[in-house]
C-alpha atoms as a PDB file:
ATOM      1  CA  MET A   1       0.189  -0.518  -0.114  1.00  0.00           C
ATOM      2  CA  ASN A   2       1.232   3.866  -0.318  1.00  0.00           C
ATOM      3  CA  ASP A   3       0.104   5.300   1.818  1.00  0.00           C
ATOM      4  CA  SER A   4       2.065   9.052   0.809  1.00  0.00           C
ATOM      5  CA  TRP A   5       0.886  12.304   3.051  1.00  0.00           C
ATOM      6  CA  PHE A   6       0.606  14.110   0.321  1.00  0.00           C
ATOM      7  CA  GLY A   7      -1.606  11.700  -1.718  1.00  0.00           C
ATOM      8  CA  VAL A   8      -4.694  12.747  -2.900  1.00  0.00           C
ATOM      9  CA  ASP A   9      -6.682  10.414  -0.025  1.00  0.00           C
ATOM     10  CA  LYS A  10      -5.081  12.522   2.299  1.00  0.00           C
ATOM     11  CA  LEU A  11      -6.705  15.703   0.382  1.00  0.00           C
ATOM     12  CA  LEU A  12     -10.176  13.494   0.700  1.00  0.00           C
ATOM     13  CA  HIS A  13      -9.917  13.067   4.197  1.00  0.00           C
ATOM     14  CA  LEU A  14      -8.378  16.871   5.463  1.00  0.00           C
ATOM     15  CA  THR A  15     -11.748  18.246   2.669  1.00  0.00           C
ATOM     16  CA  VAL A  16     -14.345  16.517   4.158  1.00  0.00           C
ATOM     17  CA  CYS A  17     -12.934  16.938   7.345  1.00  0.00           C
ATOM     18  CA  PHE A  18     -12.629  20.497   6.957  1.00  0.00           C
ATOM     19  CA  LEU A  19     -16.184  20.967   5.740  1.00  0.00           C
ATOM     20  CA  LEU A  20     -18.172  18.020   8.222  1.00  0.00           C
ATOM     21  CA  ALA A  21     -16.609  20.278  11.213  1.00  0.00           C
ATOM     22  CA  GLY A  22     -16.607  23.941   9.298  1.00  0.00           C
ATOM     23  CA  VAL A  23     -20.576  22.915   8.682  1.00  0.00           C
ATOM     24  CA  GLY A  24     -20.990  21.712  12.271  1.00  0.00           C
ATOM     25  CA  THR A  25     -19.397  24.643  14.283  1.00  0.00           C
ATOM     26  CA  CYS A  26     -21.970  26.947  12.811  1.00  0.00           C
ATOM     27  CA  ALA A  27     -24.294  24.628  12.968  1.00  0.00           C
ATOM     28  CA  LEU A  28     -23.893  24.483  16.835  1.00  0.00           C
ATOM     29  CA  VAL A  29     -23.399  28.404  17.363  1.00  0.00           C
ATOM     30  CA  ALA A  30     -27.325  29.046  14.392  1.00  0.00           C
ATOM     31  CA  GLY A  31     -28.359  26.659  17.618  1.00  0.00           C
ATOM     32  CA  GLY A  32     -27.554  28.482  19.928  1.00  0.00           C
ATOM     33  CA  MET A  33     -23.748  26.957  21.811  1.00  0.00           C
ATOM     34  CA  ARG A  34     -21.236  29.314  22.199  1.00  0.00           C
ATOM     35  CA  LEU A  35     -18.762  29.070  20.007  1.00  0.00           C
ATOM     36  CA  LEU A  36     -15.599  27.216  22.370  1.00  0.00           C
ATOM     37  CA  ASN A  37     -18.137  24.382  22.571  1.00  0.00           C
ATOM     38  CA  ALA A  38     -19.148  24.300  19.474  1.00  0.00           C
ATOM     39  CA  CYS A  39     -16.057  24.394  18.045  1.00  0.00           C
ATOM     40  CA  PHE A  40     -14.570  21.609  20.632  1.00  0.00           C
ATOM     41  CA  LEU A  41     -18.208  19.718  19.872  1.00  0.00           C
ATOM     42  CA  ALA A  42     -17.965  19.580  16.056  1.00  0.00           C
ATOM     43  CA  PHE A  43     -14.554  18.908  15.950  1.00  0.00           C
ATOM     44  CA  CYS A  44     -14.478  15.771  18.352  1.00  0.00           C
ATOM     45  CA  MET A  45     -17.102  14.383  16.475  1.00  0.00           C
ATOM     46  CA  THR A  46     -15.428  14.781  13.205  1.00  0.00           C
ATOM     47  CA  VAL A  47     -12.366  13.403  14.324  1.00  0.00           C
ATOM     48  CA  ILE A  48     -14.720  10.061  15.981  1.00  0.00           C
ATOM     49  CA  VAL A  49     -16.201  10.121  12.644  1.00  0.00           C
ATOM     50  CA  GLY A  50     -12.710  10.011  11.083  1.00  0.00           C
ATOM     51  CA  ALA A  51     -11.779   6.971  13.898  1.00  0.00           C
ATOM     52  CA  LEU A  52     -14.931   5.367  12.544  1.00  0.00           C
ATOM     53  CA  LYS A  53     -14.549   4.880   9.250  1.00  0.00           C
ATOM     54  CA  GLU A  54     -10.659   3.629  10.040  1.00  0.00           C
ATOM     55  CA  VAL A  55     -12.568   1.104  11.607  1.00  0.00           C
ATOM     56  CA  LEU A  56     -14.703   0.262   9.323  1.00  0.00           C
ATOM     57  CA  ASP A  57     -11.301   0.087   6.830  1.00  0.00           C
ATOM     58  CA  ALA A  58      -9.612  -3.458   9.448  1.00  0.00           C
ATOM     59  CA  MET A  59     -13.152  -4.770   9.933  1.00  0.00           C
ATOM     60  CA  GLY A  60     -12.060  -5.140   5.443  1.00  0.00           C
ATOM     61  CA  SER A  61     -13.904  -2.245   3.445  1.00  0.00           C
ATOM     62  CA  GLY A  62     -10.260   0.112   2.850  1.00  0.00           C
ATOM     63  CA  ASP A  63      -7.171  -0.017   3.947  1.00  0.00           C
ATOM     64  CA  THR A  64      -6.562   1.357   7.495  1.00  0.00           C
ATOM     65  CA  SER A  65      -4.236   4.100   8.302  1.00  0.00           C
ATOM     66  CA  LEU A  66      -2.860   6.902  10.808  1.00  0.00           C
ATOM     67  CA  LYS A  67      -1.785   9.115   8.399  1.00  0.00           C
ATOM     68  CA  ASP A  68      -5.205   9.105   7.277  1.00  0.00           C
ATOM     69  CA  LEU A  69      -6.426  10.558  11.192  1.00  0.00           C
ATOM     70  CA  VAL A  70      -3.494  12.620  10.652  1.00  0.00           C
ATOM     71  CA  ALA A  71      -5.654  14.273   7.851  1.00  0.00           C
ATOM     72  CA  ASP A  72      -8.588  14.247   9.766  1.00  0.00           C
ATOM     73  CA  ALA A  73      -8.101  16.011  12.629  1.00  0.00           C
ATOM     74  CA  VAL A  74      -5.817  18.266  10.186  1.00  0.00           C
ATOM     75  CA  GLY A  75      -8.619  18.932   8.733  1.00  0.00           C
ATOM     76  CA  ALA A  76     -11.384  18.711  11.498  1.00  0.00           C
ATOM     77  CA  ALA A  77      -8.892  21.781  13.206  1.00  0.00           C
ATOM     78  CA  LEU A  78      -8.677  24.214  10.612  1.00  0.00           C
ATOM     79  CA  GLY A  79     -12.273  23.503   9.780  1.00  0.00           C
ATOM     80  CA  THR A  80     -13.138  24.891  13.004  1.00  0.00           C
ATOM     81  CA  GLY A  81     -10.350  26.954  12.827  1.00  0.00           C
ATOM     82  CA  LEU A  82     -11.941  29.277  10.089  1.00  0.00           C
ATOM     83  CA  ALA A  83     -15.437  28.900  11.326  1.00  0.00           C
ATOM     84  CA  ALA A  84     -14.313  30.163  14.728  1.00  0.00           C
ATOM     85  CA  GLY A  85     -12.790  33.247  13.220  1.00  0.00           C
ATOM     86  CA  ILE A  86     -15.574  34.366  10.474  1.00  0.00           C
ATOM     87  CA  LEU A  87     -18.458  33.941  13.627  1.00  0.00           C
ATOM     88  CA  SER A  88     -16.442  36.057  15.714  1.00  0.00           C
ATOM     89  CA  GLY A  89     -16.167  38.125  12.929  1.00  0.00           C
ATOM     90  CA  LEU A  90     -12.176  38.409  12.183  1.00  0.00           C
END
């Protein structure tokens, strides 16, 4: 298995988690949650979704990769960070 740090697969992981965390943060704030709490919850839930995807991969639906989890966490951090910046008026 070729598991490059800079392959298309990592970009997909990063992008999907970026979108999930960013939209999740915005939705939670729109629902009345404080921004910091929304960022924390959206980040955690996004990373959990990424981890569950890796569990499914380990059960036979794909190849597991710690690098995928790192890309998920980076995407989630960037998504919550951008959402927080936009929502706080920066």
